[in-house]
N, C-alpha and C. Protein backbone atom coordinates (compact mmCIF):
# COMPACT_ATOMS: atom_id res chain seq x y z
N MET A 1 94.26 122.25 95.46
CA MET A 1 93.15 122.15 94.79
C MET A 1 92.81 120.33 94.35
N PRO A 2 91.38 119.72 94.74
CA PRO A 2 91.33 118.46 94.90
C PRO A 2 90.84 118.19 93.51
N VAL A 3 91.37 117.07 92.98
CA VAL A 3 91.24 116.36 91.56
C VAL A 3 89.73 115.43 91.98
N VAL A 4 88.76 115.36 91.23
CA VAL A 4 87.59 114.27 91.51
C VAL A 4 87.62 113.52 90.11
N LEU A 5 88.02 111.90 90.65
CA LEU A 5 87.58 111.34 89.25
C LEU A 5 86.44 110.24 89.53
N SER A 6 86.00 109.75 88.75
CA SER A 6 84.82 109.06 88.62
C SER A 6 85.37 107.93 88.03
N LEU A 7 85.26 106.82 88.24
CA LEU A 7 85.74 105.54 88.34
C LEU A 7 84.67 104.45 88.31
N PRO A 8 84.41 104.15 86.81
CA PRO A 8 82.92 102.99 87.15
C PRO A 8 83.67 101.44 87.33
N MET A 9 84.16 101.11 88.46
CA MET A 9 84.33 99.85 88.62
C MET A 9 83.56 99.55 90.37
N GLY A 10 83.40 98.24 90.57
CA GLY A 10 82.92 97.98 91.60
C GLY A 10 84.16 97.35 92.46
N MET A 11 83.78 97.09 93.39
CA MET A 11 84.64 96.16 94.61
C MET A 11 83.79 94.85 95.23
N HIS A 12 84.03 93.85 95.06
CA HIS A 12 83.50 92.92 95.64
C HIS A 12 83.43 92.96 97.31
N SER A 13 82.91 91.98 97.70
CA SER A 13 82.80 91.70 99.27
C SER A 13 83.93 91.28 99.52
N GLY A 14 84.63 92.10 100.75
CA GLY A 14 85.72 91.97 101.13
C GLY A 14 86.92 93.02 100.82
N MET A 15 86.62 93.87 99.76
CA MET A 15 87.45 94.45 98.97
C MET A 15 87.43 96.23 99.72
N ASP A 16 86.56 95.91 100.69
CA ASP A 16 86.36 97.65 101.13
C ASP A 16 87.78 98.26 101.76
N GLY A 17 87.99 99.38 102.20
CA GLY A 17 88.99 99.77 102.82
C GLY A 17 89.84 100.60 101.99
N PRO A 18 90.75 101.21 102.32
CA PRO A 18 91.79 102.30 101.74
C PRO A 18 92.36 101.34 100.52
N HIS A 19 92.81 102.29 99.63
CA HIS A 19 93.32 101.55 98.24
C HIS A 19 94.25 102.94 97.81
N LEU A 20 95.28 102.22 96.91
CA LEU A 20 96.10 103.54 96.44
C LEU A 20 96.12 102.88 94.77
N PHE A 21 95.73 103.79 93.99
CA PHE A 21 96.01 103.99 92.40
C PHE A 21 96.99 104.63 91.94
N ARG A 22 97.40 104.31 90.87
CA ARG A 22 98.74 104.80 90.13
C ARG A 22 98.05 105.20 88.82
N ILE A 23 98.00 106.08 87.96
CA ILE A 23 97.77 106.14 86.53
C ILE A 23 98.77 106.89 85.92
N VAL A 24 99.21 106.19 84.88
CA VAL A 24 100.67 106.59 84.21
C VAL A 24 100.07 107.13 82.54
N VAL A 25 100.32 108.48 82.21
CA VAL A 25 100.32 109.09 81.23
C VAL A 25 101.58 109.25 80.61
N PRO A 26 102.06 108.61 79.35
CA PRO A 26 102.86 108.70 78.53
C PRO A 26 102.73 110.12 77.80
N LEU A 27 103.55 110.77 77.65
CA LEU A 27 103.84 112.21 76.77
C LEU A 27 105.14 112.35 75.62
N ARG A 28 104.44 113.05 75.09
CA ARG A 28 105.59 113.23 73.56
C ARG A 28 105.46 114.75 73.20
N ASP A 29 106.51 115.59 73.10
CA ASP A 29 106.50 116.88 72.59
C ASP A 29 106.68 116.82 70.95
N ALA A 30 106.54 118.12 70.38
CA ALA A 30 106.75 118.18 69.54
C ALA A 30 108.17 117.96 68.71
N GLY A 31 108.97 118.03 69.77
CA GLY A 31 110.22 117.39 69.12
C GLY A 31 110.35 116.01 69.30
N GLY A 32 109.76 115.45 69.91
CA GLY A 32 109.72 113.81 69.86
C GLY A 32 110.21 113.48 71.23
N GLU A 33 110.31 114.26 72.28
CA GLU A 33 110.71 114.10 73.33
C GLU A 33 110.08 113.38 74.22
N THR A 34 110.31 112.13 74.97
CA THR A 34 109.02 111.37 75.59
C THR A 34 109.04 111.62 76.86
N GLY A 35 108.27 111.19 77.96
CA GLY A 35 108.18 111.10 79.10
C GLY A 35 106.93 110.78 79.44
N GLU A 36 106.86 110.62 81.02
CA GLU A 36 105.56 110.10 81.47
C GLU A 36 105.34 111.37 82.77
N VAL A 37 104.03 111.20 83.26
CA VAL A 37 103.29 111.64 84.67
C VAL A 37 102.73 110.61 85.05
N GLN A 38 102.97 110.26 86.56
CA GLN A 38 102.36 109.64 87.20
C GLN A 38 101.47 110.08 88.16
N VAL A 39 100.29 109.80 88.12
CA VAL A 39 99.46 110.60 89.64
C VAL A 39 99.20 109.53 90.26
N TYR A 40 99.29 109.83 91.44
CA TYR A 40 98.98 108.68 92.27
C TYR A 40 97.67 109.28 93.28
N PHE A 41 96.52 108.09 93.59
CA PHE A 41 95.97 108.79 94.56
C PHE A 41 94.85 107.54 95.55
N LYS A 42 94.41 107.94 96.35
CA LYS A 42 93.98 107.11 97.64
C LYS A 42 92.49 107.35 97.24
N ALA A 43 91.85 106.03 97.86
CA ALA A 43 90.51 105.68 97.81
C ALA A 43 90.24 105.04 98.94
N LEU A 44 89.10 105.68 99.68
CA LEU A 44 88.33 104.42 100.73
C LEU A 44 87.24 104.18 100.25
N PHE A 45 87.18 102.74 100.05
CA PHE A 45 85.82 102.18 99.70
C PHE A 45 85.04 101.58 100.70
N LYS A 46 83.63 101.69 100.80
CA LYS A 46 83.00 101.25 102.03
C LYS A 46 81.89 100.48 101.73
């Protein structure tokens, strides 16, 4: 299932093409254990 993200950012001239982004989401459960989820996604700016 695809995930659609809307990112309010602009690219200046010369920044077109493929990009790889990483979003790190820190987590903590009720017992105080911590971790993180890393989400990678590709974008093609035209």
